[in-house]
Amino acid sequence: MESPYKGKTGIRRLINAFGYSCAGLKTAYKNEDAFRQEVILAAVLIPLALYLDVGTVERILMIGSVLLLVIVELLNSAVEATVDRISLDHHKLAARAKDIGSAAVLMSLVNLLMVWSLIILQKFM
């Protein structure tokens, strides 16, 4: 059965989509410890990137790497919630899905660390 909201178009679709997105952010913040930690990290790093004396491209890369981490964490949380909705029983494929989602978060974190480290080392050392 298709969602009754699929037929919405124009401004009503945009309003609905914005509301669902806000609800998703609120739910993730309420239920996901890792997401809350990354939001705190973003609250520190994004203003720091705006404050530091770096070029525009470097600033975009620094902020982009932080936002990428938050985005990947949201996707990982969605995968985990979906897997848990299907079954809480231990299953090889469920574990694989969760592990791969976790690996994506780790790679995003490595990306953030590399971008920030290289820019700071190049600029200030």
PDB file of N, CA and C in Angstrom:
ATOM      1  N   MET A   1       0.841  -1.180   0.000  1.00  0.00           N
ATOM      2  CA  MET A   1       0.000   0.000   0.000  1.00  0.00           C
ATOM      3  C   MET A   1       0.884   1.241   0.000  1.00  0.00           C
ATOM      4  N   GLU A   2       0.628   2.135  -0.903  1.00  0.00           N
ATOM      5  CA  GLU A   2       1.426   3.347  -1.027  1.00  0.00           C
ATOM      6  C   GLU A   2       0.979   4.398  -0.016  1.00  0.00           C
ATOM      7  N   SER A   3       1.926   5.198   0.416  1.00  0.00           N
ATOM      8  CA  SER A   3       1.641   6.241   1.387  1.00  0.00           C
ATOM      9  C   SER A   3       0.648   7.262   0.820  1.00  0.00           C
ATOM     10  N   PRO A   4      -0.316   7.714   1.607  1.00  0.00           N
ATOM     11  CA  PRO A   4      -1.260   8.727   1.123  1.00  0.00           C
ATOM     12  C   PRO A   4      -0.597  10.089   0.922  1.00  0.00           C
ATOM     13  N   TYR A   5       0.590  10.268   1.475  1.00  0.00           N
ATOM     14  CA  TYR A   5       1.292  11.545   1.331  1.00  0.00           C
ATOM     15  C   TYR A   5       2.074  11.646   0.030  1.00  0.00           C
ATOM     16  N   LYS A   6       2.193  10.540  -0.698  1.00  0.00           N
ATOM     17  CA  LYS A   6       2.949  10.536  -1.949  1.00  0.00           C
ATOM     18  C   LYS A   6       2.305  11.432  -2.989  1.00  0.00           C
ATOM     19  N   GLY A   7       1.012  11.647  -2.919  1.00  0.00           N
ATOM     20  CA  GLY A   7       0.318  12.442  -3.918  1.00  0.00           C
ATOM     21  C   GLY A   7       0.467  13.941  -3.727  1.00  0.00           C
ATOM     22  N   LYS A   8       1.009  14.363  -2.621  1.00  0.00           N
ATOM     23  CA  LYS A   8       1.154  15.786  -2.353  1.00  0.00           C
ATOM     24  C   LYS A   8       2.193  16.383  -3.289  1.00  0.00           C
ATOM     25  N   THR A   9       1.931  17.587  -3.759  1.00  0.00           N
ATOM     26  CA  THR A   9       2.872  18.272  -4.637  1.00  0.00           C
ATOM     27  C   THR A   9       3.000  19.720  -4.200  1.00  0.00           C
ATOM     28  N   GLY A  10       3.949  20.390  -4.787  1.00  0.00           N
ATOM     29  CA  GLY A  10       4.112  21.819  -4.553  1.00  0.00           C
ATOM     30  C   GLY A  10       4.492  22.156  -3.128  1.00  0.00           C
ATOM     31  N   ILE A  11       3.958  23.264  -2.666  1.00  0.00           N
ATOM     32  CA  ILE A  11       4.318  23.794  -1.348  1.00  0.00           C
ATOM     33  C   ILE A  11       3.886  22.855  -0.229  1.00  0.00           C
ATOM     34  N   ARG A  12       2.750  22.159  -0.393  1.00  0.00           N
ATOM     35  CA  ARG A  12       2.281  21.228   0.644  1.00  0.00           C
ATOM     36  C   ARG A  12       3.293  20.109   0.828  1.00  0.00           C
ATOM     37  N   ARG A  13       3.872  19.588  -0.264  1.00  0.00           N
ATOM     38  CA  ARG A  13       4.876  18.544  -0.171  1.00  0.00           C
ATOM     39  C   ARG A  13       6.113  19.063   0.551  1.00  0.00           C
ATOM     40  N   LEU A  14       6.525  20.286   0.243  1.00  0.00           N
ATOM     41  CA  LEU A  14       7.701  20.874   0.894  1.00  0.00           C
ATOM     42  C   LEU A  14       7.461  21.070   2.390  1.00  0.00           C
ATOM     43  N   ILE A  15       6.271  21.532   2.744  1.00  0.00           N
ATOM     44  CA  ILE A  15       5.942  21.724   4.164  1.00  0.00           C
ATOM     45  C   ILE A  15       5.946  20.383   4.892  1.00  0.00           C
ATOM     46  N   ASN A  16       5.320  19.370   4.280  1.00  0.00           N
ATOM     47  CA  ASN A  16       5.303  18.038   4.894  1.00  0.00           C
ATOM     48  C   ASN A  16       6.725  17.494   5.049  1.00  0.00           C
ATOM     49  N   ALA A  17       7.523  17.604   4.002  1.00  0.00           N
ATOM     50  CA  ALA A  17       8.894  17.087   4.038  1.00  0.00           C
ATOM     51  C   ALA A  17       9.711  17.781   5.119  1.00  0.00           C
ATOM     52  N   PHE A  18       9.547  19.092   5.246  1.00  0.00           N
ATOM     53  CA  PHE A  18      10.266  19.831   6.283  1.00  0.00           C
ATOM     54  C   PHE A  18       9.847  19.348   7.671  1.00  0.00           C
ATOM     55  N   GLY A  19       8.553  19.129   7.857  1.00  0.00           N
ATOM     56  CA  GLY A  19       8.062  18.641   9.147  1.00  0.00           C
ATOM     57  C   GLY A  19       8.610  17.259   9.481  1.00  0.00           C
ATOM     58  N   TYR A  20       8.645  16.359   8.487  1.00  0.00           N
ATOM     59  CA  TYR A  20       9.194  15.018   8.709  1.00  0.00           C
ATOM     60  C   TYR A  20      10.687  15.100   9.040  1.00  0.00           C
ATOM     61  N   SER A  21      11.393  15.988   8.366  1.00  0.00           N
ATOM     62  CA  SER A  21      12.827  16.141   8.624  1.00  0.00           C
ATOM     63  C   SER A  21      13.080  16.651  10.038  1.00  0.00           C
ATOM     64  N   CYS A  22      12.307  17.624  10.457  1.00  0.00           N
ATOM     65  CA  CYS A  22      12.442  18.141  11.827  1.00  0.00           C
ATOM     66  C   CYS A  22      12.120  17.061  12.850  1.00  0.00           C
ATOM     67  N   ALA A  23      11.081  16.282  12.578  1.00  0.00           N
ATOM     68  CA  ALA A  23      10.724  15.180  13.480  1.00  0.00           C
ATOM     69  C   ALA A  23      11.862  14.152  13.541  1.00  0.00           C
ATOM     70  N   GLY A  24      12.493  13.876  12.408  1.00  0.00           N
ATOM     71  CA  GLY A  24      13.609  12.941  12.383  1.00  0.00           C
ATOM     72  C   GLY A  24      14.794  13.442  13.184  1.00  0.00           C
ATOM     73  N   LEU A  25      15.122  14.723  13.051  1.00  0.00           N
ATOM     74  CA  LEU A  25      16.218  15.295  13.840  1.00  0.00           C
ATOM     75  C   LEU A  25      15.913  15.237  15.333  1.00  0.00           C
ATOM     76  N   LYS A  26      14.683  15.570  15.687  1.00  0.00           N
ATOM     77  CA  LYS A  26      14.278  15.540  17.097  1.00  0.00           C
ATOM     78  C   LYS A  26      14.352  14.116  17.644  1.00  0.00           C
ATOM     79  N   THR A  27      13.871  13.151  16.881  1.00  0.00           N
ATOM     80  CA  THR A  27      13.894  11.749  17.302  1.00  0.00           C
ATOM     81  C   THR A  27      15.325  11.250  17.448  1.00  0.00           C
ATOM     82  N   ALA A  28      16.174  11.587  16.487  1.00  0.00           N
ATOM     83  CA  ALA A  28      17.572  11.155  16.555  1.00  0.00           C
ATOM     84  C   ALA A  28      18.250  11.760  17.784  1.00  0.00           C
ATOM     85  N   TYR A  29      18.001  13.037  18.041  1.00  0.00           N
ATOM     86  CA  TYR A  29      18.629  13.684  19.191  1.00  0.00           C
ATOM     87  C   TYR A  29      18.140  13.062  20.499  1.00  0.00           C
ATOM     88  N   LYS A  30      16.870  12.735  20.545  1.00  0.00           N
ATOM     89  CA  LYS A  30      16.285  12.165  21.763  1.00  0.00           C
ATOM     90  C   LYS A  30      16.753  10.733  22.022  1.00  0.00           C
ATOM     91  N   ASN A  31      16.920   9.948  20.961  1.00  0.00           N
ATOM     92  CA  ASN A  31      17.130   8.511  21.115  1.00  0.00           C
ATOM     93  C   ASN A  31      18.540   8.007  20.811  1.00  0.00           C
ATOM     94  N   GLU A  32      19.373   8.809  20.199  1.00  0.00           N
ATOM     95  CA  GLU A  32      20.686   8.329  19.758  1.00  0.00           C
ATOM     96  C   GLU A  32      21.815   9.089  20.453  1.00  0.00           C
ATOM     97  N   ASP A  33      22.525   8.400  21.345  1.00  0.00           N
ATOM     98  CA  ASP A  33      23.638   9.025  22.069  1.00  0.00           C
ATOM     99  C   ASP A  33      24.715   9.524  21.115  1.00  0.00           C
ATOM    100  N   ALA A  34      25.066   8.716  20.137  1.00  0.00           N
ATOM    101  CA  ALA A  34      26.124   9.104  19.199  1.00  0.00           C
ATOM    102  C   ALA A  34      25.729  10.360  18.430  1.00  0.00           C
ATOM    103  N   PHE A  35      24.474  10.471  18.047  1.00  0.00           N
ATOM    104  CA  PHE A  35      24.019  11.664  17.328  1.00  0.00           C
ATOM    105  C   PHE A  35      24.146  12.896  18.215  1.00  0.00           C
ATOM    106  N   ARG A  36      23.747  12.777  19.474  1.00  0.00           N
ATOM    107  CA  ARG A  36      23.883  13.915  20.403  1.00  0.00           C
ATOM    108  C   ARG A  36      25.342  14.329  20.544  1.00  0.00           C
ATOM    109  N   GLN A  37      26.239  13.353  20.662  1.00  0.00           N
ATOM    110  CA  GLN A  37      27.666  13.663  20.772  1.00  0.00           C
ATOM    111  C   GLN A  37      28.171  14.381  19.525  1.00  0.00           C
ATOM    112  N   GLU A  38      27.719  13.936  18.371  1.00  0.00           N
ATOM    113  CA  GLU A  38      28.175  14.554  17.133  1.00  0.00           C
ATOM    114  C   GLU A  38      27.576  15.939  16.930  1.00  0.00           C
ATOM    115  N   VAL A  39      26.373  16.166  17.435  1.00  0.00           N
ATOM    116  CA  VAL A  39      25.789  17.503  17.391  1.00  0.00           C
ATOM    117  C   VAL A  39      26.612  18.449  18.278  1.00  0.00           C
ATOM    118  N   ILE A  40      27.031  17.982  19.432  1.00  0.00           N
ATOM    119  CA  ILE A  40      27.880  18.797  20.305  1.00  0.00           C
ATOM    120  C   ILE A  40      29.217  19.081  19.614  1.00  0.00           C
ATOM    121  N   LEU A  41      29.795  18.059  18.988  1.00  0.00           N
ATOM    122  CA  LEU A  41      31.035  18.241  18.235  1.00  0.00           C
ATOM    123  C   LEU A  41      30.835  19.282  17.136  1.00  0.00           C
ATOM    124  N   ALA A  42      29.719  19.197  16.420  1.00  0.00           N
ATOM    125  CA  ALA A  42      29.431  20.162  15.355  1.00  0.00           C
ATOM    126  C   ALA A  42      29.255  21.568  15.927  1.00  0.00           C
ATOM    127  N   ALA A  43      28.623  21.669  17.087  1.00  0.00           N
ATOM    128  CA  ALA A  43      28.410  22.977  17.724  1.00  0.00           C
ATOM    129  C   ALA A  43      29.727  23.634  18.121  1.00  0.00           C
ATOM    130  N   VAL A  44      30.757  22.826  18.332  1.00  0.00           N
ATOM    131  CA  VAL A  44      32.079  23.364  18.653  1.00  0.00           C
ATOM    132  C   VAL A  44      32.888  23.619  17.380  1.00  0.00           C
ATOM    133  N   LEU A  45      32.904  22.628  16.481  1.00  0.00           N
ATOM    134  CA  LEU A  45      33.791  22.709  15.315  1.00  0.00           C
ATOM    135  C   LEU A  45      33.331  23.690  14.243  1.00  0.00           C
ATOM    136  N   ILE A  46      32.038  23.806  14.014  1.00  0.00           N
ATOM    137  CA  ILE A  46      31.578  24.721  12.962  1.00  0.00           C
ATOM    138  C   ILE A  46      31.903  26.175  13.306  1.00  0.00           C
ATOM    139  N   PRO A  47      31.593  26.650  14.520  1.00  0.00           N
ATOM    140  CA  PRO A  47      32.021  28.020  14.843  1.00  0.00           C
ATOM    141  C   PRO A  47      33.548  28.174  14.822  1.00  0.00           C
ATOM    142  N   LEU A  48      34.278  27.121  15.229  1.00  0.00           N
ATOM    143  CA  LEU A  48      35.734  27.187  15.179  1.00  0.00           C
ATOM    144  C   LEU A  48      36.220  27.341  13.742  1.00  0.00           C
ATOM    145  N   ALA A  49      35.611  26.604  12.825  1.00  0.00           N
ATOM    146  CA  ALA A  49      35.987  26.724  11.412  1.00  0.00           C
ATOM    147  C   ALA A  49      35.692  28.124  10.881  1.00  0.00           C
ATOM    148  N   LEU A  50      34.626  28.739  11.355  1.00  0.00           N
ATOM    149  CA  LEU A  50      34.302  30.098  10.936  1.00  0.00           C
ATOM    150  C   LEU A  50      35.263  31.118  11.532  1.00  0.00           C
ATOM    151  N   TYR A  51      35.802  30.820  12.701  1.00  0.00           N
ATOM    152  CA  TYR A  51      36.706  31.729  13.404  1.00  0.00           C
ATOM    153  C   TYR A  51      38.140  31.651  12.883  1.00  0.00           C
ATOM    154  N   LEU A  52      38.594  30.448  12.549  1.00  0.00           N
ATOM    155  CA  LEU A  52      39.984  30.257  12.157  1.00  0.00           C
ATOM    156  C   LEU A  52      40.322  31.036  10.890  1.00  0.00           C
ATOM    157  N   ASP A  53      41.564  31.480  10.819  1.00  0.00           N
ATOM    158  CA  ASP A  53      42.056  32.224   9.658  1.00  0.00           C
ATOM    159  C   ASP A  53      42.492  31.235   8.575  1.00  0.00           C
ATOM    160  N   VAL A  54      41.504  30.704   7.871  1.00  0.00           N
ATOM    161  CA  VAL A  54      41.766  29.781   6.771  1.00  0.00           C
ATOM    162  C   VAL A  54      41.030  30.297   5.540  1.00  0.00           C
ATOM    163  N   GLY A  55      41.385  29.774   4.388  1.00  0.00           N
ATOM    164  CA  GLY A  55      40.740  30.187   3.157  1.00  0.00           C
ATOM    165  C   GLY A  55      39.321  29.650   3.049  1.00  0.00           C
ATOM    166  N   THR A  56      38.615  30.158   2.063  1.00  0.00           N
ATOM    167  CA  THR A  56      37.224  29.748   1.860  1.00  0.00           C
ATOM    168  C   THR A  56      37.103  28.262   1.567  1.00  0.00           C
ATOM    169  N   VAL A  57      37.964  27.746   0.717  1.00  0.00           N
ATOM    170  CA  VAL A  57      37.907  26.320   0.370  1.00  0.00           C
ATOM    171  C   VAL A  57      38.192  25.469   1.596  1.00  0.00           C
ATOM    172  N   GLU A  58      39.189  25.846   2.379  1.00  0.00           N
ATOM    173  CA  GLU A  58      39.501  25.103   3.597  1.00  0.00           C
ATOM    174  C   GLU A  58      38.326  25.136   4.578  1.00  0.00           C
ATOM    175  N   ARG A  59      37.719  26.301   4.712  1.00  0.00           N
ATOM    176  CA  ARG A  59      36.577  26.441   5.627  1.00  0.00           C
ATOM    177  C   ARG A  59      35.413  25.553   5.167  1.00  0.00           C
ATOM    178  N   ILE A  60      35.157  25.537   3.864  1.00  0.00           N
ATOM    179  CA  ILE A  60      34.091  24.688   3.320  1.00  0.00           C
ATOM    180  C   ILE A  60      34.397  23.223   3.593  1.00  0.00           C
ATOM    181  N   LEU A  61      35.645  22.810   3.395  1.00  0.00           N
ATOM    182  CA  LEU A  61      36.026  21.421   3.658  1.00  0.00           C
ATOM    183  C   LEU A  61      35.884  21.070   5.131  1.00  0.00           C
ATOM    184  N   MET A  62      36.266  21.971   6.000  1.00  0.00           N
ATOM    185  CA  MET A  62      36.169  21.715   7.435  1.00  0.00           C
ATOM    186  C   MET A  62      34.713  21.570   7.869  1.00  0.00           C
ATOM    187  N   ILE A  63      33.873  22.506   7.454  1.00  0.00           N
ATOM    188  CA  ILE A  63      32.454  22.442   7.824  1.00  0.00           C
ATOM    189  C   ILE A  63      31.792  21.260   7.135  1.00  0.00           C
ATOM    190  N   GLY A  64      32.130  21.027   5.879  1.00  0.00           N
ATOM    191  CA  GLY A  64      31.547  19.906   5.143  1.00  0.00           C
ATOM    192  C   GLY A  64      31.857  18.565   5.772  1.00  0.00           C
ATOM    193  N   SER A  65      33.082  18.412   6.284  1.00  0.00           N
ATOM    194  CA  SER A  65      33.437  17.139   6.920  1.00  0.00           C
ATOM    195  C   SER A  65      32.648  16.918   8.202  1.00  0.00           C
ATOM    196  N   VAL A  66      32.342  17.984   8.922  1.00  0.00           N
ATOM    197  CA  VAL A  66      31.527  17.879  10.136  1.00  0.00           C
ATOM    198  C   VAL A  66      30.090  17.504   9.770  1.00  0.00           C
ATOM    199  N   LEU A  67      29.544  18.194   8.775  1.00  0.00           N
ATOM    200  CA  LEU A  67      28.171  17.897   8.362  1.00  0.00           C
ATOM    201  C   LEU A  67      28.052  16.490   7.783  1.00  0.00           C
ATOM    202  N   LEU A  68      29.078  16.041   7.060  1.00  0.00           N
ATOM    203  CA  LEU A  68      29.064  14.678   6.525  1.00  0.00           C
ATOM    204  C   LEU A  68      28.980  13.658   7.653  1.00  0.00           C
ATOM    205  N   LEU A  69      29.725  13.867   8.720  1.00  0.00           N
ATOM    206  CA  LEU A  69      29.671  12.963   9.873  1.00  0.00           C
ATOM    207  C   LEU A  69      28.256  12.899  10.439  1.00  0.00           C
ATOM    208  N   VAL A  70      27.618  14.033  10.589  1.00  0.00           N
ATOM    209  CA  VAL A  70      26.257  14.073  11.138  1.00  0.00           C
ATOM    210  C   VAL A  70      25.280  13.361  10.193  1.00  0.00           C
ATOM    211  N   ILE A  71      25.424  13.585   8.894  1.00  0.00           N
ATOM    212  CA  ILE A  71      24.545  12.948   7.909  1.00  0.00           C
ATOM    213  C   ILE A  71      24.702  11.438   7.945  1.00  0.00           C
ATOM    214  N   VAL A  72      25.951  10.970   7.962  1.00  0.00           N
ATOM    215  CA  VAL A  72      26.186   9.525   7.969  1.00  0.00           C
ATOM    216  C   VAL A  72      25.661   8.907   9.265  1.00  0.00           C
ATOM    217  N   GLU A  73      25.786   9.607  10.370  1.00  0.00           N
ATOM    218  CA  GLU A  73      25.240   9.101  11.637  1.00  0.00           C
ATOM    219  C   GLU A  73      23.719   8.975  11.554  1.00  0.00           C
ATOM    220  N   LEU A  74      23.057   9.940  10.942  1.00  0.00           N
ATOM    221  CA  LEU A  74      21.604   9.843  10.766  1.00  0.00           C
ATOM    222  C   LEU A  74      21.235   8.626   9.924  1.00  0.00           C
ATOM    223  N   LEU A  75      21.964   8.397   8.844  1.00  0.00           N
ATOM    224  CA  LEU A  75      21.692   7.234   7.997  1.00  0.00           C
ATOM    225  C   LEU A  75      21.957   5.931   8.747  1.00  0.00           C
ATOM    226  N   ASN A  76      23.042   5.900   9.516  1.00  0.00           N
ATOM    227  CA  ASN A  76      23.346   4.711  10.314  1.00  0.00           C
ATOM    228  C   ASN A  76      22.242   4.443  11.334  1.00  0.00           C
ATOM    229  N   SER A  77      21.761   5.492  11.972  1.00  0.00           N
ATOM    230  CA  SER A  77      20.677   5.331  12.947  1.00  0.00           C
ATOM    231  C   SER A  77      19.413   4.813  12.269  1.00  0.00           C
ATOM    232  N   ALA A  78      19.144   5.274  11.056  1.00  0.00           N
ATOM    233  CA  ALA A  78      17.973   4.797  10.319  1.00  0.00           C
ATOM    234  C   ALA A  78      18.112   3.318   9.980  1.00  0.00           C
ATOM    235  N   VAL A  79      19.308   2.907   9.565  1.00  0.00           N
ATOM    236  CA  VAL A  79      19.546   1.488   9.265  1.00  0.00           C
ATOM    237  C   VAL A  79      19.346   0.655  10.524  1.00  0.00           C
ATOM    238  N   GLU A  80      19.922   1.088  11.633  1.00  0.00           N
ATOM    239  CA  GLU A  80      19.790   0.340  12.881  1.00  0.00           C
ATOM    240  C   GLU A  80      18.335   0.234  13.331  1.00  0.00           C
ATOM    241  N   ALA A  81      17.595   1.326  13.217  1.00  0.00           N
ATOM    242  CA  ALA A  81      16.185   1.295  13.618  1.00  0.00           C
ATOM    243  C   ALA A  81      15.387   0.352  12.717  1.00  0.00           C
ATOM    244  N   THR A  82      15.685   0.363  11.436  1.00  0.00           N
ATOM    245  CA  THR A  82      14.985  -0.523  10.502  1.00  0.00           C
ATOM    246  C   THR A  82      15.292  -1.983  10.795  1.00  0.00           C
ATOM    247  N   VAL A  83      16.558  -2.281  11.030  1.00  0.00           N
ATOM    248  CA  VAL A  83      16.948  -3.654  11.344  1.00  0.00           C
ATOM    249  C   VAL A  83      16.278  -4.106  12.637  1.00  0.00           C
ATOM    250  N   ASP A  84      16.279  -3.262  13.646  1.00  0.00           N
ATOM    251  CA  ASP A  84      15.644  -3.611  14.921  1.00  0.00           C
ATOM    252  C   ASP A  84      14.128  -3.752  14.782  1.00  0.00           C
ATOM    253  N   ARG A  85      13.523  -2.995  13.880  1.00  0.00           N
ATOM    254  CA  ARG A  85      12.071  -3.106  13.652  1.00  0.00           C
ATOM    255  C   ARG A  85      11.726  -4.458  13.043  1.00  0.00           C
ATOM    256  N   ILE A  86      12.605  -4.939  12.167  1.00  0.00           N
ATOM    257  CA  ILE A  86      12.342  -6.221  11.506  1.00  0.00           C
ATOM    258  C   ILE A  86      12.439  -7.359  12.509  1.00  0.00           C
ATOM    259  N   SER A  87      13.501  -7.347  13.338  1.00  0.00           N
ATOM    260  CA  SER A  87      13.651  -8.396  14.338  1.00  0.00           C
ATOM    261  C   SER A  87      14.757  -8.027  15.303  1.00  0.00           C
ATOM    262  N   LEU A  88      14.548  -8.353  16.563  1.00  0.00           N
ATOM    263  CA  LEU A  88      15.593  -8.154  17.558  1.00  0.00           C
ATOM    264  C   LEU A  88      16.441  -9.415  17.728  1.00  0.00           C
ATOM    265  N   ASP A  89      16.069 -10.486  17.034  1.00  0.00           N
ATOM    266  CA  ASP A  89      16.857 -11.719  17.065  1.00  0.00           C
ATOM    267  C   ASP A  89      18.197 -11.480  16.386  1.00  0.00           C
ATOM    268  N   HIS A  90      19.226 -12.150  16.909  1.00  0.00           N
ATOM    269  CA  HIS A  90      20.545 -12.038  16.283  1.00  0.00           C
ATOM    270  C   HIS A  90      20.527 -12.764  14.943  1.00  0.00           C
ATOM    271  N   HIS A  91      20.904 -12.058  13.909  1.00  0.00           N
ATOM    272  CA  HIS A  91      20.974 -12.641  12.572  1.00  0.00           C
ATOM    273  C   HIS A  91      22.222 -12.103  11.894  1.00  0.00           C
ATOM    274  N   LYS A  92      22.874 -12.961  11.147  1.00  0.00           N
ATOM    275  CA  LYS A  92      24.127 -12.612  10.478  1.00  0.00           C
ATOM    276  C   LYS A  92      23.963 -11.377   9.575  1.00  0.00           C
ATOM    277  N   LEU A  93      22.874 -11.307   8.818  1.00  0.00           N
ATOM    278  CA  LEU A  93      22.676 -10.178   7.911  1.00  0.00           C
ATOM    279  C   LEU A  93      22.338  -8.891   8.670  1.00  0.00           C
ATOM    280  N   ALA A  94      21.604  -9.011   9.766  1.00  0.00           N
ATOM    281  CA  ALA A  94      21.304  -7.837  10.586  1.00  0.00           C
ATOM    282  C   ALA A  94      22.592  -7.280  11.185  1.00  0.00           C
ATOM    283  N   ALA A  95      23.432  -8.175  11.693  1.00  0.00           N
ATOM    284  CA  ALA A  95      24.719  -7.742  12.250  1.00  0.00           C
ATOM    285  C   ALA A  95      25.581  -7.100  11.169  1.00  0.00           C
ATOM    286  N   ARG A  96      25.553  -7.672   9.971  1.00  0.00           N
ATOM    287  CA  ARG A  96      26.341  -7.110   8.872  1.00  0.00           C
ATOM    288  C   ARG A  96      25.875  -5.698   8.534  1.00  0.00           C
ATOM    289  N   ALA A  97      24.563  -5.505   8.443  1.00  0.00           N
ATOM    290  CA  ALA A  97      24.022  -4.184   8.124  1.00  0.00           C
ATOM    291  C   ALA A  97      24.435  -3.155   9.179  1.00  0.00           C
ATOM    292  N   LYS A  98      24.313  -3.531  10.440  1.00  0.00           N
ATOM    293  CA  LYS A  98      24.682  -2.610  11.520  1.00  0.00           C
ATOM    294  C   LYS A  98      26.188  -2.332  11.522  1.00  0.00           C
ATOM    295  N   ASP A  99      26.990  -3.360  11.303  1.00  0.00           N
ATOM    296  CA  ASP A  99      28.442  -3.177  11.286  1.00  0.00           C
ATOM    297  C   ASP A  99      28.877  -2.287  10.122  1.00  0.00           C
ATOM    298  N   ILE A 100      28.259  -2.468   8.961  1.00  0.00           N
ATOM    299  CA  ILE A 100      28.613  -1.642   7.809  1.00  0.00           C
ATOM    300  C   ILE A 100      28.198  -0.191   8.043  1.00  0.00           C
ATOM    301  N   GLY A 101      27.037   0.024   8.637  1.00  0.00           N
ATOM    302  CA  GLY A 101      26.623   1.383   8.984  1.00  0.00           C
ATOM    303  C   GLY A 101      27.585   2.026   9.965  1.00  0.00           C
ATOM    304  N   SER A 102      28.015   1.250  10.943  1.00  0.00           N
ATOM    305  CA  SER A 102      28.989   1.749  11.913  1.00  0.00           C
ATOM    306  C   SER A 102      30.320   2.064  11.245  1.00  0.00           C
ATOM    307  N   ALA A 103      30.718   1.235  10.301  1.00  0.00           N
ATOM    308  CA  ALA A 103      31.967   1.481   9.562  1.00  0.00           C
ATOM    309  C   ALA A 103      31.873   2.777   8.757  1.00  0.00           C
ATOM    310  N   ALA A 104      30.696   3.063   8.203  1.00  0.00           N
ATOM    311  CA  ALA A 104      30.509   4.314   7.462  1.00  0.00           C
ATOM    312  C   ALA A 104      30.693   5.518   8.387  1.00  0.00           C
ATOM    313  N   VAL A 105      30.174   5.427   9.602  1.00  0.00           N
ATOM    314  CA  VAL A 105      30.361   6.503  10.578  1.00  0.00           C
ATOM    315  C   VAL A 105      31.847   6.648  10.906  1.00  0.00           C
ATOM    316  N   LEU A 106      32.531   5.527  11.124  1.00  0.00           N
ATOM    317  CA  LEU A 106      33.954   5.573  11.420  1.00  0.00           C
ATOM    318  C   LEU A 106      34.730   6.234  10.285  1.00  0.00           C
ATOM    319  N   MET A 107      34.423   5.878   9.053  1.00  0.00           N
ATOM    320  CA  MET A 107      35.125   6.467   7.915  1.00  0.00           C
ATOM    321  C   MET A 107      34.846   7.966   7.805  1.00  0.00           C
ATOM    322  N   SER A 108      33.639   8.384   8.135  1.00  0.00           N
ATOM    323  CA  SER A 108      33.317   9.814   8.140  1.00  0.00           C
ATOM    324  C   SER A 108      34.096  10.545   9.219  1.00  0.00           C
ATOM    325  N   LEU A 109      34.259   9.898  10.360  1.00  0.00           N
ATOM    326  CA  LEU A 109      35.045  10.478  11.444  1.00  0.00           C
ATOM    327  C   LEU A 109      36.521  10.571  11.056  1.00  0.00           C
ATOM    328  N   VAL A 110      37.048   9.532  10.420  1.00  0.00           N
ATOM    329  CA  VAL A 110      38.433   9.562   9.930  1.00  0.00           C
ATOM    330  C   VAL A 110      38.593  10.701   8.919  1.00  0.00           C
ATOM    331  N   ASN A 111      37.610  10.844   8.021  1.00  0.00           N
ATOM    332  CA  ASN A 111      37.644  11.930   7.037  1.00  0.00           C
ATOM    333  C   ASN A 111      37.703  13.284   7.743  1.00  0.00           C
ATOM    334  N   LEU A 112      36.852  13.474   8.758  1.00  0.00           N
ATOM    335  CA  LEU A 112      36.846  14.721   9.515  1.00  0.00           C
ATOM    336  C   LEU A 112      38.219  14.980  10.141  1.00  0.00           C
ATOM    337  N   LEU A 113      38.770  13.971  10.782  1.00  0.00           N
ATOM    338  CA  LEU A 113      40.076  14.125  11.438  1.00  0.00           C
ATOM    339  C   LEU A 113      41.181  14.446  10.433  1.00  0.00           C
ATOM    340  N   MET A 114      41.142  13.792   9.286  1.00  0.00           N
ATOM    341  CA  MET A 114      42.163  14.039   8.263  1.00  0.00           C
ATOM    342  C   MET A 114      42.044  15.456   7.698  1.00  0.00           C
ATOM    343  N   VAL A 115      40.838  15.869   7.359  1.00  0.00           N
ATOM    344  CA  VAL A 115      40.629  17.210   6.798  1.00  0.00           C
ATOM    345  C   VAL A 115      41.085  18.269   7.790  1.00  0.00           C
ATOM    346  N   TRP A 116      40.610  18.174   9.022  1.00  0.00           N
ATOM    347  CA  TRP A 116      40.973  19.171  10.015  1.00  0.00           C
ATOM    348  C   TRP A 116      42.474  19.151  10.309  1.00  0.00           C
ATOM    349  N   SER A 117      43.042  17.970  10.460  1.00  0.00           N
ATOM    350  CA  SER A 117      44.474  17.859  10.765  1.00  0.00           C
ATOM    351  C   SER A 117      45.324  18.443   9.654  1.00  0.00           C
ATOM    352  N   LEU A 118      45.035  18.080   8.424  1.00  0.00           N
ATOM    353  CA  LEU A 118      45.833  18.568   7.305  1.00  0.00           C
ATOM    354  C   LEU A 118      45.731  20.079   7.149  1.00  0.00           C
ATOM    355  N   ILE A 119      44.542  20.621   7.297  1.00  0.00           N
ATOM    356  CA  ILE A 119      44.376  22.070   7.159  1.00  0.00           C
ATOM    357  C   ILE A 119      45.069  22.800   8.287  1.00  0.00           C
ATOM    358  N   ILE A 120      44.888  22.328   9.509  1.00  0.00           N
ATOM    359  CA  ILE A 120      45.523  23.007  10.646  1.00  0.00           C
ATOM    360  C   ILE A 120      47.038  22.879  10.574  1.00  0.00           C
ATOM    361  N   LEU A 121      47.527  21.706  10.254  1.00  0.00           N
ATOM    362  CA  LEU A 121      48.980  21.531  10.129  1.00  0.00           C
ATOM    363  C   LEU A 121      49.554  22.398   9.019  1.00  0.00           C
ATOM    364  N   GLN A 122      48.891  22.447   7.885  1.00  0.00           N
ATOM    365  CA  GLN A 122      49.369  23.234   6.748  1.00  0.00           C
ATOM    366  C   GLN A 122      49.322  24.733   7.063  1.00  0.00           C
ATOM    367  N   LYS A 123      48.298  25.162   7.751  1.00  0.00           N
ATOM    368  CA  LYS A 123      48.105  26.593   7.983  1.00  0.00           C
ATOM    369  C   LYS A 123      48.886  27.130   9.180  1.00  0.00           C
ATOM    370  N   PHE A 124      48.951  26.343  10.242  1.00  0.00           N
ATOM    371  CA  PHE A 124      49.458  26.885  11.488  1.00  0.00           C
ATOM    372  C   PHE A 124      50.779  26.279  11.954  1.00  0.00           C
ATOM    373  N   MET A 125      51.335  25.369  11.220  1.00  0.00           N
ATOM    374  CA  MET A 125      52.597  24.759  11.647  1.00  0.00           C
ATOM    375  C   MET A 125      53.724  25.162  10.706  1.00  0.00           C
TER     376      MET A 125
END
